[in-house]
């Protein structure tokens, strides 16, 4: 039986503090609406626009005729066709969509926290749910899904995963037709998650871990049938995924080696609210600045977590602590094996149950204002610092690319266009797709190399320091 706890903090004061924390989270993410398109945004947008100009049916994205690097038909091809058709490729409106999806994903976490709190008979389940959703929404690991439209799949994955787990937990608390409908919806939510991102393949394992956390029995015939159906759906997806994908980039290959240690360290950093740009800065040799930034984000996060979990340690039993560790580790499982790439938002699913547990341990704590103030401080420092960075920072490169594109749009740029660039990392922020989309040029008429050909009519030269020149005819060096 769950332990009953007396309320240590008045309801009105708790709601006021939680509300102020929510306002802080909203204010922190609102500037992301002014982020321009960059990188893969242009690749997906131009491909979606080309597809929308053909009579290709909507389901063609789910059953491609050619092999892809990633088969994410719901969150990439179909999603971007919607962006092109309804939003007409407007960057501001697209980022409104991204932020809205992040809000929906956080509401999914809140809903899962609510049914979990009801299952465990926690005190103040509604307030716990609201706080869990806000804590999750305010984590710095979401900076790319909010600022980079191409990463919207992460918010969709969180939304479908939390709805799947919510139906799974709530079904054990109901009977009759409602229970049948909830169980029937689980494979549907799982299918949507699988069509969104590959890591959803571990959802069945997360379902079992959530039952360990809630202490609900797993003995009903309908529940076992549901698990079998979900496992079958996952197996079918694995077969289709193998059929539709080929030629994965080397950075995304799964290997066993030193990458395990590197990715484990990265995972610890993401869970401690350390921004990826701070890790990148350290790898580039700027150790003092990187360590200072890491400390400014990690220390408040760790202090807040310590206050919450230490004072609330008796509120969670041994099996629940074990479930939190298993949930986070398994949810991040595939990313431990990645040969190179590692982004903070990879830990988005792993952070769900820890955020719920943190909210539960904090909600009756008299130090709740301190806990939430420290969490807000950590995220604000991480997010604000990331936005202020110039190249090679991701958002800084996005602003650089937008500045160059706006300048080129006011010039006469004809085809064919040659681009001379040495820094491929910088050029990725605009790419051939970005130049073609913004300058209304055929993608095939843009040629990228290290030098301007002598016979090129026009050549865009991009120096290593980010300065650019549009050279024509005899003006080329």
Protein backbone atom coordinates (compact mmCIF):
# COMPACT_ATOMS: atom_id res chain seq x y z
CA UNK A 1 0.00 0.00 0.00
CA UNK A 2 1.30 3.50 -0.77
CA UNK A 3 2.35 5.68 2.11
CA UNK A 4 0.15 8.68 2.87
CA UNK A 5 1.88 12.02 3.29
CA UNK A 6 0.66 15.15 4.95
CA UNK A 7 0.75 18.37 3.01
CA UNK A 8 3.72 20.48 4.07
CA UNK A 9 3.14 23.41 1.77
CA UNK A 10 -0.12 25.35 1.37
CA UNK A 11 -2.11 24.74 -1.80
CA UNK A 12 -2.32 28.41 -2.78
CA UNK A 13 1.42 28.97 -2.32
CA UNK A 14 2.22 25.80 -4.28
CA UNK A 15 0.00 26.77 -7.19
CA UNK A 16 1.48 30.28 -7.22
CA UNK A 17 5.05 28.97 -7.34
CA UNK A 18 4.21 26.38 -9.99
CA UNK A 19 2.43 29.03 -12.08
CA UNK A 20 5.38 31.40 -11.88
CA UNK A 21 7.66 28.56 -12.94
CA UNK A 22 5.39 27.87 -15.91
CA UNK A 23 5.51 31.54 -16.94
CA UNK A 24 9.30 31.36 -16.79
CA UNK A 25 9.30 28.32 -19.09
CA UNK A 26 7.03 30.05 -21.63
CA UNK A 27 9.13 33.22 -21.64
CA UNK A 28 12.28 31.14 -22.11
CA UNK A 29 10.99 29.45 -25.27
CA UNK A 30 9.10 32.32 -26.95
CA UNK A 31 12.20 33.84 -28.65
CA UNK A 32 12.56 30.57 -30.57
CA UNK A 33 9.63 31.65 -32.77
CA UNK A 34 11.97 34.06 -34.59
CA UNK A 35 14.47 31.35 -35.55
CA UNK A 36 14.95 31.09 -39.33
CA UNK A 37 14.95 27.84 -41.27
CA UNK A 38 18.35 26.20 -41.42
CA UNK A 39 20.08 22.95 -42.29
CA UNK A 40 17.74 20.03 -42.94
CA UNK A 41 14.74 22.36 -42.78
CA UNK A 42 15.40 23.39 -46.36
CA UNK A 43 16.01 19.81 -47.47
CA UNK A 44 12.66 18.61 -46.10
CA UNK A 45 10.78 21.72 -47.20
CA UNK A 46 11.99 21.61 -50.80
CA UNK A 47 11.34 17.86 -51.04
CA UNK A 48 7.83 18.28 -49.61
CA UNK A 49 7.06 21.11 -52.00
CA UNK A 50 8.20 19.04 -54.98
CA UNK A 51 6.04 16.13 -53.83
CA UNK A 52 3.01 18.37 -53.32
CA UNK A 53 3.32 19.51 -56.94
CA UNK A 54 2.87 15.91 -58.09
CA UNK A 55 -0.29 13.78 -57.86
CA UNK A 56 1.40 11.53 -55.29
CA UNK A 57 -1.20 10.34 -52.71
CA UNK A 58 -0.64 11.01 -49.01
CA UNK A 59 0.08 7.36 -48.28
CA UNK A 60 3.02 7.27 -50.71
CA UNK A 61 5.23 8.71 -47.97
CA UNK A 62 4.47 5.68 -45.80
CA UNK A 63 5.37 3.21 -48.55
CA UNK A 64 8.31 4.78 -50.41
CA UNK A 65 9.43 3.44 -53.76
CA UNK A 66 13.10 4.22 -53.09
CA UNK A 67 15.33 3.57 -50.08
CA UNK A 68 15.76 6.32 -47.50
CA UNK A 69 18.35 7.12 -44.85
CA UNK A 70 15.58 7.45 -42.29
CA UNK A 71 12.06 6.09 -42.59
CA UNK A 72 10.01 8.51 -40.49
CA UNK A 73 7.02 9.06 -42.77
CA UNK A 74 4.75 10.63 -40.17
CA UNK A 75 7.18 13.14 -38.67
CA UNK A 76 9.25 13.98 -41.75
CA UNK A 77 7.71 13.47 -45.19
CA UNK A 78 4.03 13.78 -44.23
CA UNK A 79 4.72 16.48 -41.64
CA UNK A 80 6.65 18.67 -44.07
CA UNK A 81 4.03 18.18 -46.79
CA UNK A 82 1.58 19.66 -44.27
CA UNK A 83 3.96 22.53 -43.50
CA UNK A 84 4.29 23.30 -47.20
CA UNK A 85 0.58 22.97 -48.00
CA UNK A 86 -0.91 24.81 -45.02
CA UNK A 87 1.85 27.16 -43.86
CA UNK A 88 3.40 27.74 -47.30
CA UNK A 89 6.89 27.33 -45.93
CA UNK A 90 6.62 30.25 -43.49
CA UNK A 91 9.41 29.94 -40.92
CA UNK A 92 7.60 31.82 -38.13
CA UNK A 93 4.41 29.77 -38.49
CA UNK A 94 6.47 26.57 -38.63
CA UNK A 95 8.20 27.42 -35.37
CA UNK A 96 4.82 28.20 -33.82
CA UNK A 97 3.93 24.65 -34.81
CA UNK A 98 7.14 23.31 -33.26
CA UNK A 99 6.53 25.14 -30.00
CA UNK A 100 2.90 23.95 -29.97
CA UNK A 101 4.06 20.36 -30.43
CA UNK A 102 6.47 20.82 -27.52
CA UNK A 103 3.59 22.08 -25.38
CA UNK A 104 1.47 19.07 -26.41
CA UNK A 105 4.34 16.70 -25.60
CA UNK A 106 4.71 18.28 -22.15
CA UNK A 107 0.96 17.95 -21.62
CA UNK A 108 1.37 14.28 -22.48
CA UNK A 109 3.94 14.01 -19.69
CA UNK A 110 1.51 15.77 -17.35
CA UNK A 111 -1.27 13.33 -18.29
CA UNK A 112 1.02 10.36 -17.67
CA UNK A 113 2.02 11.88 -14.33
CA UNK A 114 -1.64 12.27 -13.38
CA UNK A 115 -2.62 8.65 -14.05
CA UNK A 116 0.58 7.49 -12.35
CA UNK A 117 -0.18 9.62 -9.29
CA UNK A 118 -3.72 8.21 -9.18
CA UNK A 119 -2.43 4.65 -9.50
CA UNK A 120 0.07 5.21 -6.67
CA UNK A 121 -2.46 7.24 -4.61
CA UNK A 122 -0.05 10.15 -4.31
CA UNK A 123 -1.14 13.35 -2.62
CA UNK A 124 -2.25 16.22 -4.85
CA UNK A 125 -2.16 14.33 -8.16
CA UNK A 126 -3.38 17.29 -10.24
CA UNK A 127 -0.71 19.62 -8.98
CA UNK A 128 1.90 16.90 -9.35
CA UNK A 129 0.84 16.37 -12.96
CA UNK A 130 0.98 20.08 -13.80
CA UNK A 131 4.40 20.44 -12.19
CA UNK A 132 5.74 17.34 -13.96
CA UNK A 133 4.65 18.73 -17.31
CA UNK A 134 6.21 22.10 -16.59
CA UNK A 135 9.46 20.61 -15.32
CA UNK A 136 9.68 18.52 -18.45
CA UNK A 137 8.82 21.48 -20.70
CA UNK A 138 11.55 23.59 -19.13
CA UNK A 139 14.46 21.19 -19.59
CA UNK A 140 17.27 22.64 -21.69
CA UNK A 141 17.54 19.42 -23.72
CA UNK A 142 14.55 20.61 -25.78
CA UNK A 143 16.38 23.56 -27.30
CA UNK A 144 16.77 22.01 -30.75
CA UNK A 145 13.22 20.63 -31.12
CA UNK A 146 11.98 24.14 -30.34
CA UNK A 147 14.49 26.03 -32.51
CA UNK A 148 15.01 23.57 -35.36
CA UNK A 149 11.89 22.64 -37.32
CA UNK A 150 13.54 19.45 -38.60
CA UNK A 151 13.63 18.13 -35.03
CA UNK A 152 9.86 18.35 -34.51
CA UNK A 153 9.79 14.55 -34.70
CA UNK A 154 11.14 14.52 -31.15
CA UNK A 155 8.08 16.28 -29.72
CA UNK A 156 5.77 14.02 -31.72
CA UNK A 157 7.59 10.97 -30.38
CA UNK A 158 7.19 12.21 -26.80
CA UNK A 159 3.50 12.90 -27.35
CA UNK A 160 2.69 9.46 -28.80
CA UNK A 161 4.87 7.66 -26.25
CA UNK A 162 3.24 9.37 -23.27
CA UNK A 163 -0.25 8.71 -24.66
CA UNK A 164 0.66 5.04 -25.10
CA UNK A 165 1.99 4.77 -21.55
CA UNK A 166 -0.96 6.72 -20.16
CA UNK A 167 -3.46 4.33 -21.74
CA UNK A 168 -1.41 1.41 -20.42
CA UNK A 169 -1.36 2.67 -16.83
CA UNK A 170 -4.94 3.93 -16.78
CA UNK A 171 -6.35 0.72 -18.25
CA UNK A 172 -5.36 -1.14 -15.09
CA UNK A 173 -7.52 1.24 -13.05
CA UNK A 174 -10.68 0.82 -15.12
CA UNK A 175 -13.11 -1.92 -16.11
CA UNK A 176 -15.56 -2.81 -18.85
CA UNK A 177 -15.72 -1.04 -22.19
CA UNK A 178 -13.43 1.80 -21.10
CA UNK A 179 -10.70 -0.70 -20.26
CA UNK A 180 -11.12 -2.46 -23.63
CA UNK A 181 -10.95 0.83 -25.52
CA UNK A 182 -7.85 1.95 -23.63
CA UNK A 183 -6.06 -1.33 -24.31
CA UNK A 184 -7.10 -1.21 -27.97
CA UNK A 185 -5.66 2.29 -28.33
CA UNK A 186 -2.19 1.26 -27.12
CA UNK A 187 -1.03 -0.46 -30.34
CA UNK A 188 -2.32 2.55 -32.30
CA UNK A 189 -0.28 5.02 -30.23
CA UNK A 190 2.71 2.71 -30.55
CA UNK A 191 2.32 2.56 -34.33
CA UNK A 192 2.24 6.36 -34.52
CA UNK A 193 5.37 6.54 -32.36
CA UNK A 194 7.17 4.01 -34.57
CA UNK A 195 6.28 5.96 -37.71
CA UNK A 196 7.73 9.05 -36.00
CA UNK A 197 11.14 7.88 -34.81
CA UNK A 198 13.16 4.67 -34.54
CA UNK A 199 13.75 4.74 -30.79
CA UNK A 200 10.04 3.96 -30.25
CA UNK A 201 11.04 0.34 -30.82
CA UNK A 202 11.73 0.20 -27.05
CA UNK A 203 8.24 1.32 -26.01
CA UNK A 204 7.10 -2.17 -24.98
CA UNK A 205 9.99 -2.36 -22.52
CA UNK A 206 9.01 1.05 -21.14
CA UNK A 207 5.45 -0.20 -20.67
CA UNK A 208 6.69 -3.02 -18.44
CA UNK A 209 8.94 -0.65 -16.49
CA UNK A 210 6.04 1.72 -15.87
CA UNK A 211 4.08 -1.16 -14.33
CA UNK A 212 7.06 -1.82 -12.07
CA UNK A 213 6.94 1.84 -11.04
CA UNK A 214 3.20 1.91 -10.34
CA UNK A 215 3.12 -1.54 -8.74
CA UNK A 216 0.10 -2.56 -10.82
CA UNK A 217 -0.40 -6.25 -11.50
CA UNK A 218 0.34 -7.64 -14.93
CA UNK A 219 -1.70 -10.82 -14.93
CA UNK A 220 -4.81 -10.13 -17.01
CA UNK A 221 -5.36 -11.97 -20.28
CA UNK A 222 -6.25 -8.77 -22.12
CA UNK A 223 -3.03 -7.14 -20.94
CA UNK A 224 -0.94 -10.05 -22.17
CA UNK A 225 -2.76 -9.92 -25.51
CA UNK A 226 -2.01 -6.19 -25.68
CA UNK A 227 1.69 -6.82 -25.07
CA UNK A 228 1.75 -9.51 -27.75
CA UNK A 229 0.02 -7.22 -30.24
CA UNK A 230 2.46 -4.40 -29.43
CA UNK A 231 5.41 -6.75 -29.86
CA UNK A 232 3.97 -7.87 -33.21
CA UNK A 233 3.51 -4.27 -34.36
CA UNK A 234 7.13 -3.57 -33.41
CA UNK A 235 8.35 -6.65 -35.30
CA UNK A 236 6.43 -5.62 -38.43
CA UNK A 237 7.91 -2.15 -38.18
CA UNK A 238 11.43 -3.64 -37.95
CA UNK A 239 10.86 -5.59 -41.17
CA UNK A 240 9.49 -2.55 -42.99
CA UNK A 241 12.25 -0.34 -41.64
CA UNK A 242 14.88 -2.71 -43.01
CA UNK A 243 13.11 -2.72 -46.37
CA UNK A 244 12.77 1.05 -46.70
CA UNK A 245 16.14 2.25 -45.37
CA UNK A 246 19.66 1.94 -46.71
CA UNK A 247 22.94 3.81 -46.61
CA UNK A 248 22.81 5.16 -43.06
CA UNK A 249 25.45 7.81 -42.39
CA UNK A 250 28.51 6.55 -40.54
CA UNK A 251 27.73 8.85 -37.59
CA UNK A 252 24.45 6.98 -36.98
CA UNK A 253 25.80 3.44 -37.12
CA UNK A 254 25.55 1.33 -33.97
CA UNK A 255 28.94 0.12 -32.75
CA UNK A 256 30.63 -1.20 -29.62
CA UNK A 257 33.76 0.62 -28.52
CA UNK A 258 34.96 3.86 -26.96
CA UNK A 259 31.74 5.45 -28.19
CA UNK A 260 29.93 3.76 -25.27
CA UNK A 261 31.93 5.80 -22.76
CA UNK A 262 31.57 9.01 -24.75
CA UNK A 263 27.82 8.57 -25.15
CA UNK A 264 27.40 7.64 -21.48
CA UNK A 265 29.14 10.88 -20.50
CA UNK A 266 26.94 12.78 -22.95
CA UNK A 267 23.82 11.16 -21.48
CA UNK A 268 24.85 12.27 -17.99
CA UNK A 269 25.39 15.78 -19.34
CA UNK A 270 21.96 15.95 -21.00
CA UNK A 271 20.23 14.74 -17.83
CA UNK A 272 22.15 17.37 -15.83
CA UNK A 273 20.79 20.09 -18.16
CA UNK A 274 24.20 20.77 -19.73
CA UNK A 275 23.77 22.16 -23.26
CA UNK A 276 25.37 20.38 -26.18
CA UNK A 277 27.18 23.56 -27.18
CA UNK A 278 29.08 23.50 -23.88
CA UNK A 279 30.25 19.95 -24.60
CA UNK A 280 31.20 20.97 -28.15
CA UNK A 281 33.07 23.98 -26.78
CA UNK A 282 35.10 21.72 -24.48
CA UNK A 283 35.94 19.37 -27.34
CA UNK A 284 37.18 22.38 -29.36
CA UNK A 285 39.65 23.27 -26.61
CA UNK A 286 37.90 26.16 -24.84
CA UNK A 287 37.99 24.29 -21.54
CA UNK A 288 37.70 27.19 -19.09
CA UNK A 289 34.64 28.73 -20.75
CA UNK A 290 33.07 25.33 -21.29
CA UNK A 291 33.58 24.18 -17.69
CA UNK A 292 32.23 27.47 -16.33
CA UNK A 293 29.13 27.12 -18.50
CA UNK A 294 28.69 23.47 -17.57
CA UNK A 295 28.95 24.33 -13.89
CA UNK A 296 26.46 27.19 -14.24
CA UNK A 297 23.87 24.79 -15.66
CA UNK A 298 24.62 21.50 -13.93
CA UNK A 299 25.11 22.74 -10.36
CA UNK A 300 21.66 24.38 -10.00
CA UNK A 301 20.04 21.35 -11.65
CA UNK A 302 21.85 18.88 -9.39
CA UNK A 303 21.22 20.94 -6.24
CA UNK A 304 17.50 21.18 -7.05
CA UNK A 305 17.32 17.44 -7.73
CA UNK A 306 19.22 16.65 -4.54
CA UNK A 307 16.92 18.80 -2.40
CA UNK A 308 13.84 17.22 -3.94
CA UNK A 309 14.93 13.59 -3.98
CA UNK A 310 16.74 13.56 -0.64
CA UNK A 311 13.90 15.08 1.34
CA UNK A 312 11.38 12.99 -0.62
CA UNK A 313 13.37 9.75 -0.71
CA UNK A 314 10.86 7.93 1.49
CA UNK A 315 8.08 8.77 -0.96
CA UNK A 316 9.49 6.30 -3.47
CA UNK A 317 10.10 2.62 -2.76
CA UNK A 318 13.12 0.57 -3.90
CA UNK A 319 11.27 -0.81 -6.93
CA UNK A 320 10.37 2.73 -8.01
CA UNK A 321 13.95 3.95 -7.77
CA UNK A 322 14.98 0.93 -9.82
CA UNK A 323 12.25 1.67 -12.36
CA UNK A 324 13.46 5.27 -12.78
CA UNK A 325 17.00 4.09 -13.54
CA UNK A 326 15.80 1.35 -15.90
CA UNK A 327 13.40 3.68 -17.70
CA UNK A 328 16.04 6.33 -18.33
CA UNK A 329 18.73 3.83 -19.33
CA UNK A 330 16.57 1.77 -21.68
CA UNK A 331 14.90 4.80 -23.27
CA UNK A 332 18.36 6.13 -24.18
CA UNK A 333 19.59 2.64 -25.06
CA UNK A 334 20.13 2.97 -28.85
CA UNK A 335 21.97 6.26 -28.44
CA UNK A 336 24.64 4.69 -26.25
CA UNK A 337 25.68 2.73 -29.36
CA UNK A 338 25.81 5.58 -31.88
CA UNK A 339 29.26 5.77 -33.43
CA UNK A 340 29.44 9.56 -33.30
CA UNK A 341 26.35 11.82 -33.26
CA UNK A 342 24.91 12.85 -29.91
CA UNK A 343 22.34 15.55 -29.30
CA UNK A 344 20.69 16.54 -26.04
CA UNK A 345 17.16 15.91 -27.31
CA UNK A 346 18.00 12.22 -27.69
CA UNK A 347 17.33 12.01 -23.94
CA UNK A 348 13.79 13.40 -24.22
CA UNK A 349 12.05 10.08 -23.56
CA UNK A 350 14.56 9.11 -20.88
CA UNK A 351 13.70 12.28 -18.93
CA UNK A 352 9.96 11.57 -18.68
CA UNK A 353 9.86 9.36 -15.59
CA UNK A 354 12.61 11.29 -13.71
CA UNK A 355 10.60 14.49 -14.29
CA UNK A 356 7.48 12.84 -12.86
CA UNK A 357 9.40 11.56 -9.84
CA UNK A 358 11.00 14.97 -9.29
CA UNK A 359 7.59 16.64 -9.31
CA UNK A 360 6.22 14.09 -6.82
CA UNK A 361 9.13 14.58 -4.43
CA UNK A 362 8.96 18.38 -4.71
CA UNK A 363 5.26 19.15 -4.52
CA UNK A 364 4.92 18.99 -0.72
CA UNK A 365 8.42 20.23 -0.02
CA UNK A 366 8.62 23.57 1.85
CA UNK A 367 11.66 24.34 -0.34
CA UNK A 368 9.57 24.11 -3.52
CA UNK A 369 10.32 27.77 -4.52
CA UNK A 370 14.05 27.11 -4.19
CA UNK A 371 13.83 23.89 -6.23
CA UNK A 372 11.94 25.54 -9.08
CA UNK A 373 14.10 28.68 -9.01
CA UNK A 374 17.22 26.54 -9.39
CA UNK A 375 15.66 24.56 -12.23
CA UNK A 376 14.69 27.77 -14.01
CA UNK A 377 18.16 29.26 -13.48
CA UNK A 378 19.83 26.17 -14.94
CA UNK A 379 17.70 26.15 -18.10
CA UNK A 380 17.82 29.90 -18.65
CA UNK A 381 21.63 29.88 -18.51
CA UNK A 382 21.80 26.91 -20.88
CA UNK A 383 19.30 28.25 -23.41
CA UNK A 384 20.41 31.90 -23.34
CA UNK A 385 24.05 30.94 -23.68
CA UNK A 386 23.30 28.72 -26.65
CA UNK A 387 21.40 31.50 -28.41
CA UNK A 388 24.26 33.98 -27.95
CA UNK A 389 26.92 31.79 -29.53
CA UNK A 390 28.15 32.56 -33.01
CA UNK A 391 29.67 29.94 -35.33
CA UNK A 392 30.22 27.05 -34.71
CA UNK A 393 27.15 27.23 -32.49
CA UNK A 394 24.11 25.73 -34.22
CA UNK A 395 21.71 28.62 -33.72
CA UNK A 396 24.48 31.13 -34.43
CA UNK A 397 25.13 29.43 -37.77
CA UNK A 398 21.39 29.55 -38.51
CA UNK A 399 21.41 33.33 -38.03
CA UNK A 400 24.53 33.62 -40.19
CA UNK A 401 22.86 31.63 -42.96
CA UNK A 402 19.73 33.78 -42.79
CA UNK A 403 21.80 36.97 -43.00
CA UNK A 404 23.61 35.70 -46.10
CA UNK A 405 20.40 34.53 -47.76
CA UNK A 406 18.66 37.86 -47.16
CA UNK A 407 21.61 39.65 -48.70
CA UNK A 408 21.63 37.37 -51.76
CA UNK A 409 17.88 37.77 -52.26
CA UNK A 410 18.47 41.46 -52.98
CA UNK A 411 21.02 40.67 -55.68
CA UNK A 412 20.76 39.28 -59.17
CA UNK A 413 21.74 35.63 -58.77
CA UNK A 414 21.56 33.58 -61.95
CA UNK A 415 22.09 29.94 -62.75
CA UNK A 416 24.39 28.14 -62.77
CA UNK A 417 25.75 29.25 -59.42
CA UNK A 418 29.08 28.02 -58.12
CA UNK A 419 29.82 28.05 -54.39
CA UNK A 420 33.40 28.06 -53.11
CA UNK A 421 33.51 27.03 -49.46
CA UNK A 422 36.05 25.29 -47.24
CA UNK A 423 34.00 25.03 -44.03
CA UNK A 424 31.33 22.40 -44.76
CA UNK A 425 30.20 22.61 -41.13
CA UNK A 426 29.24 26.26 -41.57
CA UNK A 427 27.77 25.74 -45.04
CA UNK A 428 25.44 23.02 -43.70
CA UNK A 429 23.33 25.79 -42.12
CA UNK A 430 22.20 26.87 -45.60
CA UNK A 431 23.22 24.06 -47.95
CA UNK A 432 22.37 23.63 -51.59
CA UNK A 433 18.71 23.16 -50.69
CA UNK A 434 18.62 26.48 -48.83
CA UNK A 435 20.20 28.41 -51.69
CA UNK A 436 17.84 26.80 -54.20
CA UNK A 437 14.74 27.45 -52.09
CA UNK A 438 15.45 31.06 -51.16
CA UNK A 439 16.94 32.17 -54.50
CA UNK A 440 14.42 30.30 -56.67
CA UNK A 441 17.14 28.34 -58.43
CA UNK A 442 17.03 24.72 -59.59
CA UNK A 443 18.96 22.61 -57.10
CA UNK A 444 20.88 21.00 -59.96
CA UNK A 445 22.22 24.38 -61.05
CA UNK A 446 24.16 24.93 -57.82
CA UNK A 447 27.66 23.45 -57.69
CA UNK A 448 29.74 23.36 -54.51
CA UNK A 449 33.53 23.11 -54.45
CA UNK A 450 36.63 24.55 -52.81
CA UNK A 451 37.44 27.08 -55.51
CA UNK A 452 35.66 29.25 -58.05
CA UNK A 453 36.09 27.82 -61.57
CA UNK A 454 37.72 30.20 -64.04
CA UNK A 455 34.81 29.93 -66.46
CA UNK A 456 32.03 30.38 -63.85
CA UNK A 457 29.66 33.26 -64.61
CA UNK A 458 28.86 33.69 -60.91
CA UNK A 459 30.49 32.27 -57.83
CA UNK A 460 29.52 32.67 -54.18
CA UNK A 461 32.70 32.60 -52.13
CA UNK A 462 32.30 31.90 -48.42
CA UNK A 463 35.43 32.49 -46.35
CA UNK A 464 36.30 30.53 -43.24
CA UNK A 465 35.40 33.52 -41.06
CA UNK A 466 31.86 33.57 -42.52
CA UNK A 467 32.22 36.54 -44.85
CA UNK A 468 30.74 36.03 -48.29
CA UNK A 469 31.15 37.57 -51.73
CA UNK A 470 29.12 37.07 -54.89
CA UNK A 471 31.74 37.23 -57.62
CA UNK A 472 30.92 37.62 -61.29
CA UNK A 473 33.03 37.31 -64.44
CA UNK A 474 36.34 39.10 -64.22
CA UNK A 475 35.92 39.94 -60.52
CA UNK A 476 36.84 36.36 -59.55
CA UNK A 477 40.39 35.98 -58.21
